[in-house]
Protein backbone atom coordinates (compact mmCIF):
# COMPACT_ATOMS: atom_id res chain seq x y z
CA MET A 1 -52.97 162.71 7.39
CA ASP A 2 -49.83 160.98 6.24
CA LEU A 3 -50.51 157.24 6.00
CA SER A 4 -46.88 156.26 6.60
CA LEU A 5 -46.87 158.26 9.84
CA GLU A 6 -50.13 156.60 10.85
CA LYS A 7 -48.55 153.19 10.23
CA GLN A 8 -45.60 154.19 12.42
CA VAL A 9 -47.98 155.15 15.24
CA GLU A 10 -49.82 151.85 14.83
CA ALA A 11 -46.50 149.98 15.11
CA LEU A 12 -45.60 151.91 18.26
CA LEU A 13 -48.95 150.96 19.81
CA LEU A 14 -47.63 147.38 19.85
CA ALA A 15 -44.04 148.17 20.82
CA ASP A 16 -42.59 147.37 24.22
CA LEU A 17 -41.59 150.89 25.28
CA THR A 18 -41.62 152.86 28.49
CA SER A 19 -44.35 155.45 28.80
CA THR A 20 -41.76 158.20 28.35
CA GLU A 21 -40.37 156.67 25.16
CA PHE A 22 -43.86 156.15 23.74
CA SER A 23 -44.98 159.66 24.68
CA ASN A 24 -41.92 161.29 23.14
CA ARG A 25 -42.13 159.31 19.91
CA VAL A 26 -45.86 159.74 19.42
CA PHE A 27 -46.85 162.96 21.21
CA GLY A 28 -43.55 164.90 21.24
CA GLN A 29 -44.18 168.57 20.55
CA PHE A 30 -41.68 169.05 17.72
CA HIS A 31 -40.57 165.61 16.54
CA GLY A 32 -43.43 163.35 17.62
CA LEU A 33 -45.35 161.54 14.93
CA PHE A 34 -48.60 163.37 15.67
CA ALA A 35 -46.87 166.75 15.48
CA ARG A 36 -45.48 165.76 12.09
CA MET A 37 -48.95 164.72 10.88
CA CYS A 38 -50.55 168.09 11.51
CA SER A 39 -49.63 171.24 9.68
CA ASN A 40 -52.45 173.42 11.03
CA VAL A 41 -55.08 173.78 13.76
CA GLU A 42 -57.80 172.06 11.73
CA ASP A 43 -55.57 169.01 11.24
CA ARG A 44 -54.96 168.90 15.00
CA LYS A 45 -58.68 169.09 15.75
CA THR A 46 -59.36 166.24 13.35
CA LEU A 47 -56.53 164.18 14.81
CA ILE A 48 -57.71 164.62 18.40
CA GLY A 49 -61.10 163.19 17.44
CA SER A 50 -59.62 160.20 15.62
CA ALA A 51 -59.56 156.58 16.71
CA LEU A 52 -55.77 156.58 16.30
CA TRP A 53 -55.38 159.43 18.83
CA LYS A 54 -57.72 157.70 21.28
CA SER A 55 -55.82 154.43 20.91
CA ALA A 56 -52.53 156.21 21.51
CA GLN A 57 -53.93 157.93 24.61
CA ALA A 58 -55.18 154.59 25.96
CA ARG A 59 -51.83 152.91 25.25
CA LEU A 60 -49.98 155.73 27.00
CA ARG A 61 -52.17 155.25 30.09
CA GLU A 62 -51.44 151.49 30.02
CA LEU A 63 -47.71 152.10 29.78
CA GLU A 64 -47.81 154.71 32.55
CA GLN A 65 -49.62 152.24 34.80
CA ARG A 66 -47.11 149.51 33.98
CA ASP A 67 -44.18 151.84 34.68
CA PHE A 68 -45.78 152.97 37.94
CA GLU A 69 -46.25 149.35 39.06
CA LYS A 70 -42.65 148.54 38.19
CA ILE A 71 -41.39 151.48 40.24
CA ARG A 72 -43.72 150.56 43.11
CA ARG A 73 -42.37 146.99 43.15
CA LEU A 74 -38.77 148.19 43.07
CA THR A 75 -39.30 150.67 45.88
CA SER A 76 -41.14 148.12 48.02
CA GLN A 77 -38.29 145.62 47.49
CA THR A 78 -35.75 148.28 48.43
CA ALA A 79 -37.74 149.25 51.53
CA SER A 80 -37.88 145.64 52.73
CA VAL A 81 -34.11 145.08 52.40
């Protein structure tokens, strides 16, 4: 795997992004960092088992939960107005 791309993923793990932004930048099918790291099926299999992949998946879940809570708060504020 390309170390510079790995470093970019690691930086995004700490970035304040929406879940959509994070997902597109890291997991995007054609231009995402993980797609750029893997040139074949074997690379993809190795990546999916890696700690970096698991960390990115966990971060995506965190961001999705945060985004969901933000939307929930906004809709509950709107409903009470």
